[in-house]
Amino acid sequence: MVATVSRRWFLNGAVMAVLAAPLINAMPAQAAPAKSPNLITIGGEGLTEPLSVRADDRPDLFNALLSQVNWLSSRKGQASGPKKDKLGPKYTVVVHVGDVAKQAYDLYPMASGGPRVHRPAKQPDKRKTTAAWFLGRLEMPDTLRAAGVPLVAASGDGQHNNVGGVGGGDRVFDDNTLNPGRDIDRLLGDLRGMLLLNGAVVLVITLGLAGIALLVRRRTR
């Protein structure tokens, strides 16, 4: 009898395995998590070789550079940009994932009227896109200087002075300047302190009113 029961359990298990096999095969395989950008290179005027900024070496600077271009991959942009003599020096920023070039953008930090970005139609990862122009972020020049780009800006007398980059000027700032979280934390701290102070004032007023109400109640008895 024991042998019969064991055989029956074995047959039931085999049948269930056969029936479940198509369902298991039909289940989609779990996709591997997408890798994040980990390297940005910058090449252009005044640079004998491209600069490299890695996410694990200088995370604040890397994120500041990435924020200049990571919002442009799916935007439509404008078909035409400023005239060539209004653009100033060009710097090509290439975003890498696992040391493989994925996206490339041409940055014009000193363009007349504000920084500009050009997205070439030909991208390193062969994805289909269109050439487009965008208004760049206002902090683009300082961000590039922090990375070591020797930008030259026009002074009030029309002369050009080196105001950043490797070995230039005093406007190069460290990674802490590129960390907006510090100001947010400070603001939240001030707000928390103000709320605690207001809460304390409300509590004192409430206790005072309660004391007055109790005193009035005793006197009216």
N, C-alpha and C. Protein backbone atom coordinates (compact mmCIF):
# COMPACT_ATOMS: atom_id res chain seq x y z
N MET A 1 0.83 -1.22 0.00
CA MET A 1 0.00 0.00 0.00
C MET A 1 0.86 1.25 0.00
N VAL A 2 1.93 1.18 0.79
CA VAL A 2 2.85 2.33 0.82
C VAL A 2 3.45 2.58 -0.55
N ALA A 3 3.82 1.49 -1.23
CA ALA A 3 4.38 1.63 -2.57
C ALA A 3 3.37 2.23 -3.53
N THR A 4 2.11 1.86 -3.38
CA THR A 4 1.06 2.39 -4.26
C THR A 4 0.88 3.88 -4.04
N VAL A 5 0.86 4.30 -2.75
CA VAL A 5 0.72 5.73 -2.43
C VAL A 5 1.90 6.52 -2.96
N SER A 6 3.12 6.01 -2.79
CA SER A 6 4.32 6.70 -3.26
C SER A 6 4.29 6.84 -4.78
N ARG A 7 3.86 5.77 -5.45
CA ARG A 7 3.79 5.81 -6.90
C ARG A 7 2.76 6.85 -7.36
N ARG A 8 1.66 6.91 -6.61
CA ARG A 8 0.61 7.87 -6.97
C ARG A 8 1.10 9.31 -6.80
N TRP A 9 1.82 9.57 -5.68
CA TRP A 9 2.38 10.91 -5.47
C TRP A 9 3.40 11.26 -6.56
N PHE A 10 4.18 10.29 -6.94
CA PHE A 10 5.18 10.53 -7.99
C PHE A 10 4.51 10.88 -9.32
N LEU A 11 3.45 10.10 -9.66
CA LEU A 11 2.74 10.36 -10.92
C LEU A 11 2.06 11.73 -10.89
N ASN A 12 1.45 12.08 -9.76
CA ASN A 12 0.81 13.41 -9.64
C ASN A 12 1.82 14.53 -9.79
N GLY A 13 2.99 14.35 -9.16
CA GLY A 13 4.03 15.37 -9.28
C GLY A 13 4.52 15.51 -10.71
N ALA A 14 4.68 14.40 -11.41
CA ALA A 14 5.14 14.44 -12.79
C ALA A 14 4.13 15.14 -13.68
N VAL A 15 2.84 14.84 -13.47
CA VAL A 15 1.79 15.49 -14.27
C VAL A 15 1.78 16.99 -14.02
N MET A 16 1.89 17.41 -12.77
CA MET A 16 1.90 18.83 -12.44
C MET A 16 3.10 19.53 -13.05
N ALA A 17 4.24 18.85 -13.06
CA ALA A 17 5.44 19.45 -13.66
C ALA A 17 5.26 19.64 -15.16
N VAL A 18 4.63 18.66 -15.82
CA VAL A 18 4.41 18.77 -17.27
C VAL A 18 3.44 19.90 -17.58
N LEU A 19 2.38 20.01 -16.77
CA LEU A 19 1.40 21.07 -16.99
C LEU A 19 1.97 22.45 -16.70
N ALA A 20 2.87 22.56 -15.74
CA ALA A 20 3.40 23.87 -15.35
C ALA A 20 4.53 24.33 -16.26
N ALA A 21 5.14 23.42 -17.00
CA ALA A 21 6.28 23.79 -17.84
C ALA A 21 5.95 24.87 -18.84
N PRO A 22 4.83 24.79 -19.59
CA PRO A 22 4.53 25.87 -20.55
C PRO A 22 4.35 27.21 -19.87
N LEU A 23 3.75 27.21 -18.66
CA LEU A 23 3.55 28.47 -17.95
C LEU A 23 4.87 29.08 -17.53
N ILE A 24 5.78 28.23 -17.08
CA ILE A 24 7.09 28.74 -16.66
C ILE A 24 7.85 29.30 -17.84
N ASN A 25 7.77 28.59 -18.98
CA ASN A 25 8.48 29.07 -20.17
C ASN A 25 7.88 30.35 -20.71
N ALA A 26 6.55 30.51 -20.48
CA ALA A 26 5.88 31.71 -21.01
C ALA A 26 6.15 32.94 -20.18
N MET A 27 6.60 32.76 -18.93
CA MET A 27 6.87 33.90 -18.06
C MET A 27 8.08 34.67 -18.58
N PRO A 28 7.97 36.00 -18.70
CA PRO A 28 9.09 36.78 -19.20
C PRO A 28 10.26 36.75 -18.23
N ALA A 29 11.43 36.65 -18.78
CA ALA A 29 12.63 36.66 -17.93
C ALA A 29 12.81 38.03 -17.30
N GLN A 30 13.24 38.02 -16.07
CA GLN A 30 13.43 39.28 -15.36
C GLN A 30 14.57 40.05 -15.99
N ALA A 31 14.25 41.28 -16.40
CA ALA A 31 15.25 42.11 -17.08
C ALA A 31 16.34 42.53 -16.10
N ALA A 32 17.56 42.54 -16.59
CA ALA A 32 18.67 42.99 -15.77
C ALA A 32 18.56 44.49 -15.54
N PRO A 33 18.89 44.97 -14.36
CA PRO A 33 18.78 46.40 -14.10
C PRO A 33 19.67 47.21 -15.05
N ALA A 34 19.10 48.32 -15.52
CA ALA A 34 19.84 49.17 -16.46
C ALA A 34 21.04 49.81 -15.76
N LYS A 35 22.14 49.87 -16.45
CA LYS A 35 23.34 50.47 -15.89
C LYS A 35 23.25 51.99 -16.00
N SER A 36 23.81 52.65 -15.04
CA SER A 36 23.80 54.11 -15.01
C SER A 36 25.09 54.66 -15.61
N PRO A 37 25.04 55.88 -16.14
CA PRO A 37 26.27 56.50 -16.64
C PRO A 37 27.33 56.57 -15.55
N ASN A 38 28.57 56.32 -15.91
CA ASN A 38 29.64 56.32 -14.92
C ASN A 38 30.87 57.12 -15.34
N LEU A 39 30.85 57.65 -16.57
CA LEU A 39 32.01 58.38 -17.07
C LEU A 39 31.56 59.45 -18.05
N ILE A 40 32.14 60.63 -17.92
CA ILE A 40 31.91 61.74 -18.86
C ILE A 40 33.25 62.25 -19.33
N THR A 41 33.40 62.39 -20.64
CA THR A 41 34.61 62.96 -21.20
C THR A 41 34.27 64.29 -21.87
N ILE A 42 35.24 65.20 -21.83
CA ILE A 42 35.05 66.54 -22.40
C ILE A 42 36.25 66.85 -23.29
N GLY A 43 35.98 67.22 -24.51
CA GLY A 43 37.04 67.62 -25.44
C GLY A 43 36.66 68.91 -26.13
N GLY A 44 37.68 69.67 -26.53
CA GLY A 44 37.37 70.91 -27.23
C GLY A 44 38.52 71.89 -27.18
N GLU A 45 38.20 73.14 -27.43
CA GLU A 45 39.20 74.19 -27.56
C GLU A 45 40.02 74.35 -26.27
N GLY A 46 41.34 74.38 -26.44
CA GLY A 46 42.24 74.57 -25.31
C GLY A 46 42.59 73.30 -24.58
N LEU A 47 42.05 72.16 -25.01
CA LEU A 47 42.33 70.88 -24.35
C LEU A 47 43.14 70.01 -25.30
N THR A 48 44.35 69.66 -24.89
CA THR A 48 45.19 68.81 -25.73
C THR A 48 44.68 67.37 -25.78
N GLU A 49 43.97 66.95 -24.74
CA GLU A 49 43.35 65.63 -24.70
C GLU A 49 42.07 65.73 -23.88
N PRO A 50 41.10 64.84 -24.12
CA PRO A 50 39.82 64.94 -23.41
C PRO A 50 39.99 64.79 -21.90
N LEU A 51 39.19 65.56 -21.18
CA LEU A 51 39.12 65.42 -19.72
C LEU A 51 38.17 64.28 -19.38
N SER A 52 38.43 63.61 -18.29
CA SER A 52 37.59 62.49 -17.85
C SER A 52 37.13 62.75 -16.42
N VAL A 53 35.85 62.60 -16.21
CA VAL A 53 35.27 62.73 -14.87
C VAL A 53 34.44 61.48 -14.61
N ARG A 54 34.82 60.73 -13.58
CA ARG A 54 34.14 59.48 -13.24
C ARG A 54 33.21 59.68 -12.04
N ALA A 55 32.10 58.96 -12.08
CA ALA A 55 31.09 59.10 -11.03
C ALA A 55 31.62 58.67 -9.67
N ASP A 56 32.47 57.66 -9.65
CA ASP A 56 32.97 57.17 -8.36
C ASP A 56 34.13 57.99 -7.83
N ASP A 57 34.74 58.81 -8.67
CA ASP A 57 35.85 59.65 -8.22
C ASP A 57 35.36 61.01 -7.72
N ARG A 58 34.52 61.68 -8.51
CA ARG A 58 34.02 63.01 -8.16
C ARG A 58 32.52 63.05 -8.41
N PRO A 59 31.73 62.45 -7.54
CA PRO A 59 30.29 62.30 -7.79
C PRO A 59 29.55 63.62 -7.95
N ASP A 60 29.90 64.64 -7.15
CA ASP A 60 29.20 65.91 -7.26
C ASP A 60 29.46 66.57 -8.61
N LEU A 61 30.71 66.60 -9.02
CA LEU A 61 31.04 67.19 -10.31
C LEU A 61 30.44 66.37 -11.45
N PHE A 62 30.49 65.04 -11.33
CA PHE A 62 29.92 64.18 -12.36
C PHE A 62 28.43 64.47 -12.52
N ASN A 63 27.69 64.55 -11.42
CA ASN A 63 26.26 64.81 -11.49
C ASN A 63 25.96 66.20 -12.05
N ALA A 64 26.82 67.17 -11.71
CA ALA A 64 26.63 68.51 -12.25
C ALA A 64 26.83 68.53 -13.76
N LEU A 65 27.83 67.81 -14.25
CA LEU A 65 28.05 67.72 -15.70
C LEU A 65 26.92 66.96 -16.37
N LEU A 66 26.48 65.86 -15.76
CA LEU A 66 25.42 65.06 -16.36
C LEU A 66 24.12 65.85 -16.44
N SER A 67 23.87 66.71 -15.47
CA SER A 67 22.64 67.49 -15.48
C SER A 67 22.59 68.50 -16.62
N GLN A 68 23.74 68.79 -17.23
CA GLN A 68 23.77 69.70 -18.36
C GLN A 68 23.17 69.08 -19.63
N VAL A 69 23.17 67.73 -19.70
CA VAL A 69 22.79 67.08 -20.97
C VAL A 69 21.78 65.94 -20.81
N ASN A 70 21.60 65.40 -19.61
CA ASN A 70 20.79 64.18 -19.50
C ASN A 70 19.31 64.40 -19.77
N TRP A 71 18.87 65.64 -19.85
CA TRP A 71 17.47 65.94 -20.13
C TRP A 71 17.21 66.20 -21.62
N LEU A 72 18.25 66.04 -22.44
CA LEU A 72 18.14 66.41 -23.85
C LEU A 72 17.88 65.22 -24.79
N SER A 73 18.03 64.00 -24.30
CA SER A 73 17.99 62.85 -25.20
C SER A 73 16.65 62.70 -25.90
N SER A 74 15.55 63.03 -25.23
CA SER A 74 14.23 62.83 -25.83
C SER A 74 13.50 64.13 -26.14
N ARG A 75 14.17 65.27 -25.96
CA ARG A 75 13.52 66.56 -26.24
C ARG A 75 13.57 66.86 -27.74
N LYS A 76 12.61 67.66 -28.19
CA LYS A 76 12.52 67.99 -29.61
C LYS A 76 13.54 69.06 -29.99
N GLY A 77 13.60 70.15 -29.23
CA GLY A 77 14.56 71.20 -29.52
C GLY A 77 14.22 72.00 -30.76
N GLN A 78 15.18 72.84 -31.17
CA GLN A 78 15.02 73.69 -32.36
C GLN A 78 15.89 73.17 -33.49
N ALA A 79 15.42 73.34 -34.71
CA ALA A 79 16.14 72.83 -35.87
C ALA A 79 17.40 73.64 -36.17
N SER A 80 17.38 74.93 -35.85
CA SER A 80 18.53 75.78 -36.14
C SER A 80 18.97 76.51 -34.88
N GLY A 81 20.25 76.89 -34.87
CA GLY A 81 20.81 77.57 -33.72
C GLY A 81 21.37 78.93 -34.09
N PRO A 82 22.11 79.55 -33.18
CA PRO A 82 22.71 80.86 -33.47
C PRO A 82 23.74 80.77 -34.59
N LYS A 83 24.09 81.93 -35.13
CA LYS A 83 25.13 81.97 -36.14
C LYS A 83 26.47 81.54 -35.55
N LYS A 84 27.31 81.02 -36.39
CA LYS A 84 28.56 80.43 -35.92
C LYS A 84 29.41 81.44 -35.16
N ASP A 85 29.42 82.70 -35.61
CA ASP A 85 30.25 83.69 -34.93
C ASP A 85 29.68 84.13 -33.58
N LYS A 86 28.49 83.64 -33.23
CA LYS A 86 27.88 83.97 -31.95
C LYS A 86 27.98 82.83 -30.93
N LEU A 87 28.57 81.72 -31.35
CA LEU A 87 28.58 80.53 -30.50
C LEU A 87 29.76 80.48 -29.53
N GLY A 88 30.92 80.96 -29.95
CA GLY A 88 32.09 80.85 -29.10
C GLY A 88 32.68 79.45 -29.15
N PRO A 89 33.55 79.11 -28.22
CA PRO A 89 34.23 77.81 -28.24
C PRO A 89 33.26 76.64 -28.04
N LYS A 90 33.56 75.52 -28.69
CA LYS A 90 32.73 74.33 -28.60
C LYS A 90 33.44 73.26 -27.77
N TYR A 91 32.67 72.59 -26.92
CA TYR A 91 33.19 71.49 -26.12
C TYR A 91 32.24 70.31 -26.25
N THR A 92 32.78 69.18 -26.65
CA THR A 92 31.98 67.98 -26.85
C THR A 92 31.97 67.14 -25.59
N VAL A 93 30.79 66.91 -25.06
CA VAL A 93 30.62 66.10 -23.86
C VAL A 93 30.05 64.75 -24.27
N VAL A 94 30.74 63.68 -23.87
CA VAL A 94 30.31 62.32 -24.20
C VAL A 94 30.01 61.57 -22.91
N VAL A 95 28.81 61.02 -22.83
CA VAL A 95 28.37 60.27 -21.66
C VAL A 95 28.59 58.78 -21.92
N HIS A 96 29.28 58.12 -20.98
CA HIS A 96 29.60 56.70 -21.12
C HIS A 96 28.84 55.88 -20.08
N VAL A 97 28.49 54.68 -20.44
CA VAL A 97 27.92 53.69 -19.54
C VAL A 97 28.80 52.45 -19.61
N GLY A 98 29.44 52.14 -18.50
CA GLY A 98 30.37 51.02 -18.53
C GLY A 98 31.51 51.23 -19.50
N ASP A 99 32.00 52.45 -19.61
CA ASP A 99 33.09 52.83 -20.50
C ASP A 99 32.72 52.72 -21.98
N VAL A 100 31.43 52.58 -22.29
CA VAL A 100 30.96 52.56 -23.67
C VAL A 100 30.24 53.87 -23.94
N ALA A 101 30.66 54.60 -24.97
CA ALA A 101 30.05 55.89 -25.30
C ALA A 101 28.60 55.69 -25.71
N LYS A 102 27.70 56.48 -25.09
CA LYS A 102 26.28 56.35 -25.36
C LYS A 102 25.67 57.61 -25.96
N GLN A 103 26.04 58.78 -25.42
CA GLN A 103 25.45 60.03 -25.87
C GLN A 103 26.56 61.06 -26.06
N ALA A 104 26.37 61.95 -27.03
CA ALA A 104 27.33 63.01 -27.29
C ALA A 104 26.59 64.32 -27.54
N TYR A 105 27.11 65.40 -26.98
CA TYR A 105 26.50 66.72 -27.13
C TYR A 105 27.61 67.75 -27.29
N ASP A 106 27.31 68.79 -28.08
CA ASP A 106 28.23 69.90 -28.25
C ASP A 106 27.75 71.07 -27.40
N LEU A 107 28.59 71.48 -26.47
CA LEU A 107 28.24 72.56 -25.56
C LEU A 107 28.95 73.84 -25.96
N TYR A 108 28.21 74.94 -25.91
CA TYR A 108 28.75 76.27 -26.22
C TYR A 108 28.50 77.16 -25.00
N PRO A 109 29.35 77.09 -24.00
CA PRO A 109 29.09 77.80 -22.74
C PRO A 109 29.18 79.32 -22.86
N MET A 110 29.92 79.83 -23.85
CA MET A 110 30.12 81.27 -23.96
C MET A 110 29.33 81.86 -25.12
N ALA A 111 28.28 81.20 -25.56
CA ALA A 111 27.48 81.69 -26.69
C ALA A 111 26.82 83.01 -26.34
N SER A 112 26.64 83.86 -27.35
CA SER A 112 25.98 85.13 -27.15
C SER A 112 24.51 84.89 -26.78
N GLY A 113 24.07 85.51 -25.68
CA GLY A 113 22.70 85.32 -25.23
C GLY A 113 22.52 84.18 -24.25
N GLY A 114 23.61 83.49 -23.92
CA GLY A 114 23.52 82.41 -22.95
C GLY A 114 24.01 81.09 -23.51
N PRO A 115 24.36 80.15 -22.65
CA PRO A 115 24.88 78.86 -23.10
C PRO A 115 23.90 78.14 -24.03
N ARG A 116 24.47 77.42 -25.00
CA ARG A 116 23.68 76.63 -25.94
C ARG A 116 24.22 75.20 -26.00
N VAL A 117 23.34 74.28 -26.38
CA VAL A 117 23.70 72.87 -26.54
C VAL A 117 23.18 72.38 -27.88
N HIS A 118 24.03 71.66 -28.59
CA HIS A 118 23.62 71.04 -29.85
C HIS A 118 23.68 69.53 -29.71
N ARG A 119 22.58 68.88 -30.08
CA ARG A 119 22.53 67.42 -30.08
C ARG A 119 22.73 66.92 -31.51
N PRO A 120 23.87 66.32 -31.82
CA PRO A 120 24.08 65.81 -33.18
C PRO A 120 23.14 64.64 -33.48
N ALA A 121 22.77 64.52 -34.75
CA ALA A 121 21.91 63.41 -35.15
C ALA A 121 22.66 62.08 -35.04
N LYS A 122 23.96 62.11 -35.25
CA LYS A 122 24.77 60.90 -35.17
C LYS A 122 25.25 60.73 -33.74
N GLN A 123 24.74 59.69 -33.08
CA GLN A 123 25.08 59.42 -31.70
C GLN A 123 25.97 58.17 -31.60
N PRO A 124 26.81 58.10 -30.55
CA PRO A 124 27.73 56.96 -30.42
C PRO A 124 27.04 55.61 -30.34
N ASP A 125 25.83 55.57 -29.73
CA ASP A 125 25.14 54.29 -29.57
C ASP A 125 24.27 53.92 -30.76
N LYS A 126 24.36 54.71 -31.85
CA LYS A 126 23.65 54.42 -33.10
C LYS A 126 22.13 54.57 -32.98
N ARG A 127 21.65 55.15 -31.89
CA ARG A 127 20.20 55.31 -31.78
C ARG A 127 19.73 56.40 -32.73
N LYS A 128 18.47 56.29 -33.12
CA LYS A 128 17.90 57.25 -34.06
C LYS A 128 17.44 58.50 -33.33
N THR A 129 17.90 59.63 -33.76
CA THR A 129 17.48 60.90 -33.20
C THR A 129 17.65 61.97 -34.26
N THR A 130 17.29 63.18 -33.94
CA THR A 130 17.42 64.28 -34.88
C THR A 130 18.36 65.33 -34.30
N ALA A 131 19.02 66.06 -35.16
CA ALA A 131 19.86 67.16 -34.70
C ALA A 131 18.97 68.26 -34.14
N ALA A 132 19.36 68.84 -33.03
CA ALA A 132 18.53 69.87 -32.40
C ALA A 132 19.38 70.78 -31.55
N TRP A 133 18.87 71.99 -31.37
CA TRP A 133 19.53 73.00 -30.54
C TRP A 133 18.68 73.27 -29.30
N PHE A 134 19.37 73.56 -28.18
CA PHE A 134 18.69 73.83 -26.92
C PHE A 134 19.38 74.99 -26.20
N LEU A 135 18.61 75.68 -25.38
CA LEU A 135 19.20 76.64 -24.45
C LEU A 135 19.85 75.86 -23.32
N GLY A 136 21.10 76.17 -23.02
CA GLY A 136 21.80 75.47 -21.96
C GLY A 136 21.53 76.07 -20.60
N ARG A 137 21.96 75.38 -19.57
CA ARG A 137 21.80 75.86 -18.21
C ARG A 137 22.78 77.01 -17.94
N LEU A 138 22.35 77.96 -17.13
CA LEU A 138 23.15 79.15 -16.88
C LEU A 138 24.46 78.83 -16.17
N GLU A 139 24.49 77.73 -15.37
CA GLU A 139 25.71 77.40 -14.64
C GLU A 139 26.69 76.59 -15.48
N MET A 140 26.41 76.39 -16.76
CA MET A 140 27.28 75.59 -17.61
C MET A 140 28.73 76.05 -17.61
N PRO A 141 29.02 77.36 -17.78
CA PRO A 141 30.42 77.78 -17.79
C PRO A 141 31.17 77.41 -16.51
N ASP A 142 30.56 77.67 -15.35
CA ASP A 142 31.23 77.37 -14.09
C ASP A 142 31.41 75.87 -13.90
N THR A 143 30.43 75.08 -14.34
CA THR A 143 30.54 73.63 -14.23
C THR A 143 31.69 73.10 -15.07
N LEU A 144 31.82 73.61 -16.28
CA LEU A 144 32.91 73.18 -17.14
C LEU A 144 34.26 73.63 -16.59
N ARG A 145 34.31 74.82 -16.03
CA ARG A 145 35.56 75.29 -15.42
C ARG A 145 35.97 74.38 -14.27
N ALA A 146 34.99 73.96 -13.48
CA ALA A 146 35.29 73.07 -12.36
C ALA A 146 35.87 71.75 -12.84
N ALA A 147 35.49 71.34 -14.05
CA ALA A 147 36.01 70.10 -14.61
C ALA A 147 37.40 70.27 -15.20
N GLY A 148 37.86 71.53 -15.35
CA GLY A 148 39.19 71.78 -15.90
C GLY A 148 39.20 72.40 -17.27
N VAL A 149 38.05 72.84 -17.78
CA VAL A 149 37.99 73.47 -19.11
C VAL A 149 38.48 74.90 -19.00
N PRO A 150 39.49 75.29 -19.78
CA PRO A 150 40.06 76.66 -19.71
C PRO A 150 39.23 77.66 -20.50
N LEU A 151 38.08 78.03 -19.97
CA LEU A 151 37.20 78.97 -20.67
C LEU A 151 37.78 80.38 -20.64
N VAL A 152 37.52 81.13 -21.68
CA VAL A 152 37.95 82.52 -21.79
C VAL A 152 36.71 83.37 -21.97
N ALA A 153 36.55 84.38 -21.15
CA ALA A 153 35.39 85.27 -21.22
C ALA A 153 35.83 86.68 -21.54
N ALA A 154 34.95 87.43 -22.20
CA ALA A 154 35.24 88.82 -22.55
C ALA A 154 35.04 89.71 -21.34
N SER A 155 36.00 90.59 -21.07
CA SER A 155 35.87 91.54 -19.97
C SER A 155 35.16 92.79 -20.44
N GLY A 156 34.97 93.73 -19.53
CA GLY A 156 34.24 94.95 -19.88
C GLY A 156 34.93 95.79 -20.93
N ASP A 157 36.28 95.72 -21.03
CA ASP A 157 37.00 96.53 -22.01
C ASP A 157 37.17 95.80 -23.34
N GLY A 158 36.48 94.67 -23.50
CA GLY A 158 36.55 93.96 -24.77
C GLY A 158 37.69 92.97 -24.85
N GLN A 159 38.57 92.95 -23.83
CA GLN A 159 39.68 92.02 -23.82
C GLN A 159 39.21 90.67 -23.30
N HIS A 160 39.95 89.62 -23.61
CA HIS A 160 39.60 88.29 -23.15
C HIS A 160 40.59 87.87 -22.07
N ASN A 161 40.05 87.38 -20.98
CA ASN A 161 40.87 86.97 -19.86
C ASN A 161 40.53 85.53 -19.49
N ASN A 162 41.54 84.81 -19.09
CA ASN A 162 41.31 83.45 -18.62
C ASN A 162 40.73 83.52 -17.22
N VAL A 163 39.51 82.98 -17.04
CA VAL A 163 38.84 83.08 -15.75
C VAL A 163 38.54 81.70 -15.18
N GLY A 164 39.23 80.71 -15.62
CA GLY A 164 38.94 79.40 -15.05
C GLY A 164 39.78 78.34 -15.72
N GLY A 165 39.49 77.10 -15.40
CA GLY A 165 40.20 75.99 -16.03
C GLY A 165 41.50 75.70 -15.33
N VAL A 166 42.30 74.86 -15.96
CA VAL A 166 43.56 74.43 -15.36
C VAL A 166 44.53 75.61 -15.31
N GLY A 167 44.95 75.98 -14.13
CA GLY A 167 45.95 77.02 -13.95
C GLY A 167 45.44 78.41 -14.20
N GLY A 168 44.14 78.64 -14.28
CA GLY A 168 43.64 79.97 -14.62
C GLY A 168 42.74 80.54 -13.57
N GLY A 169 42.94 81.83 -13.25
CA GLY A 169 41.99 82.61 -12.47
C GLY A 169 41.68 82.05 -11.10
N ASP A 170 40.65 82.67 -10.49
CA ASP A 170 40.27 82.26 -9.16
C ASP A 170 38.79 81.87 -9.08
N ARG A 171 38.17 81.58 -10.24
CA ARG A 171 36.75 81.24 -10.24
C ARG A 171 36.51 79.75 -10.25
N VAL A 172 37.57 78.98 -10.26
CA VAL A 172 37.38 77.53 -10.16
C VAL A 172 36.90 77.21 -8.76
N PHE A 173 35.83 76.46 -8.65
CA PHE A 173 35.29 76.13 -7.35
C PHE A 173 35.31 74.64 -7.15
N ASP A 174 35.21 74.23 -5.90
CA ASP A 174 35.30 72.81 -5.58
C ASP A 174 33.94 72.14 -5.71
N ASP A 175 33.92 70.84 -5.40
CA ASP A 175 32.70 70.06 -5.55
C ASP A 175 31.59 70.51 -4.62
N ASN A 176 31.97 71.11 -3.47
CA ASN A 176 30.94 71.54 -2.52
C ASN A 176 30.06 72.63 -3.10
N THR A 177 30.63 73.45 -3.99
CA THR A 177 29.85 74.50 -4.63
C THR A 177 28.80 73.92 -5.54
N LEU A 178 29.05 72.72 -6.05
CA LEU A 178 28.12 72.08 -6.98
C LEU A 178 27.12 71.20 -6.26
N ASN A 179 27.06 71.30 -4.94
CA ASN A 179 26.17 70.44 -4.17
C ASN A 179 24.98 71.23 -3.67
N PRO A 180 23.85 71.24 -4.42
CA PRO A 180 22.69 72.00 -3.98
C PRO A 180 22.03 71.42 -2.74
N GLY A 181 22.38 70.18 -2.39
CA GLY A 181 21.77 69.55 -1.22
C GLY A 181 22.09 70.29 0.07
N ARG A 182 23.28 70.93 0.11
CA ARG A 182 23.64 71.66 1.33
C ARG A 182 22.65 72.78 1.60
N ASP A 183 22.31 73.57 0.56
CA ASP A 183 21.38 74.68 0.74
C ASP A 183 19.98 74.17 1.09
N ILE A 184 19.57 73.04 0.49
CA ILE A 184 18.26 72.48 0.79
C ILE A 184 18.20 72.03 2.25
N ASP A 185 19.28 71.35 2.70
CA ASP A 185 19.33 70.91 4.09
C ASP A 185 19.28 72.09 5.05
N ARG A 186 20.00 73.14 4.67
CA ARG A 186 20.01 74.33 5.52
C ARG A 186 18.62 74.96 5.58
N LEU A 187 17.95 75.03 4.40
CA LEU A 187 16.61 75.59 4.35
C LEU A 187 15.63 74.77 5.18
N LEU A 188 15.73 73.43 5.06
CA LEU A 188 14.85 72.56 5.84
C LEU A 188 15.11 72.71 7.33
N GLY A 189 16.40 72.86 7.68
CA GLY A 189 16.73 73.06 9.08
C GLY A 189 16.13 74.35 9.63
N ASP A 190 16.25 75.45 8.83
CA ASP A 190 15.67 76.72 9.27
C ASP A 190 14.15 76.61 9.37
N LEU A 191 13.54 75.92 8.40
CA LEU A 191 12.08 75.76 8.42
C LEU A 191 11.63 74.95 9.62
N ARG A 192 12.42 73.89 9.94
CA ARG A 192 12.08 73.06 11.10
C ARG A 192 12.17 73.89 12.39
N GLY A 193 13.22 74.72 12.47
CA GLY A 193 13.36 75.56 13.64
C GLY A 193 12.22 76.56 13.78
N MET A 194 11.80 77.12 12.63
CA MET A 194 10.71 78.09 12.67
C MET A 194 9.41 77.42 13.11
N LEU A 195 9.17 76.19 12.59
CA LEU A 195 7.95 75.47 12.97
C LEU A 195 7.95 75.14 14.45
N LEU A 196 9.12 74.72 14.97
CA LEU A 196 9.20 74.42 16.40
C LEU A 196 8.94 75.68 17.24
N LEU A 197 9.49 76.83 16.79
CA LEU A 197 9.27 78.07 17.52
C LEU A 197 7.81 78.46 17.49
N ASN A 198 7.20 78.35 16.30
CA ASN A 198 5.78 78.68 16.19
C ASN A 198 4.94 77.75 17.05
N GLY A 199 5.32 76.45 17.07
CA GLY A 199 4.59 75.50 17.90
C GLY A 199 4.68 75.85 19.37
N ALA A 200 5.88 76.28 19.78
CA ALA A 200 6.05 76.66 21.18
C ALA A 200 5.20 77.89 21.52
N VAL A 201 5.15 78.86 20.59
CA VAL A 201 4.33 80.06 20.83
C VAL A 201 2.86 79.70 20.93
N VAL A 202 2.41 78.82 20.02
CA VAL A 202 1.00 78.40 20.06
C VAL A 202 0.69 77.68 21.37
N LEU A 203 1.63 76.83 21.82
CA LEU A 203 1.42 76.11 23.08
C LEU A 203 1.31 77.06 24.25
N VAL A 204 2.18 78.07 24.30
CA VAL A 204 2.14 79.05 25.39
C VAL A 204 0.82 79.81 25.37
N ILE A 205 0.39 80.22 24.17
CA ILE A 205 -0.88 80.96 24.06
C ILE A 205 -2.05 80.08 24.50
N THR A 206 -2.02 78.81 24.07
CA THR A 206 -3.10 77.89 24.45
C THR A 206 -3.16 77.69 25.96
N LEU A 207 -1.99 77.50 26.57
CA LEU A 207 -1.95 77.33 28.02
C LEU A 207 -2.43 78.60 28.73
N GLY A 208 -2.04 79.75 28.18
CA GLY A 208 -2.48 81.00 28.77
C GLY A 208 -3.98 81.17 28.71
N LEU A 209 -4.57 80.86 27.54
CA LEU A 209 -6.02 80.96 27.40
C LEU A 209 -6.74 79.98 28.31
N ALA A 210 -6.16 78.77 28.42
CA ALA A 210 -6.77 77.78 29.30
C ALA A 210 -6.75 78.27 30.75
N GLY A 211 -5.59 78.88 31.15
CA GLY A 211 -5.50 79.40 32.52
C GLY A 211 -6.50 80.52 32.77
N ILE A 212 -6.65 81.41 31.78
CA ILE A 212 -7.61 82.51 31.93
C ILE A 212 -9.03 81.97 32.02
N ALA A 213 -9.36 80.99 31.16
CA ALA A 213 -10.70 80.41 31.17
C ALA A 213 -10.98 79.74 32.52
N LEU A 214 -9.98 79.04 33.06
CA LEU A 214 -10.16 78.38 34.37
C LEU A 214 -10.36 79.42 35.48
N LEU A 215 -9.58 80.53 35.41
CA LEU A 215 -9.72 81.57 36.43
C LEU A 215 -11.09 82.21 36.36
N VAL A 216 -11.55 82.51 35.14
CA VAL A 216 -12.87 83.14 34.97
C VAL A 216 -13.95 82.20 35.47
N ARG A 217 -13.80 80.92 35.18
CA ARG A 217 -14.81 79.94 35.60
C ARG A 217 -14.90 79.87 37.12
N ARG A 218 -13.76 79.92 37.80
CA ARG A 218 -13.77 79.88 39.27
C ARG A 218 -14.43 81.11 39.87
N ARG A 219 -14.21 82.26 39.26
CA ARG A 219 -14.73 83.50 39.83
C ARG A 219 -16.24 83.62 39.59
N THR A 220 -16.71 82.95 38.52
CA THR A 220 -18.13 83.08 38.23
C THR A 220 -18.98 82.07 38.97
N ARG A 221 -18.37 81.16 39.71
CA ARG A 221 -19.13 80.19 40.49
C ARG A 221 -19.75 80.85 41.72
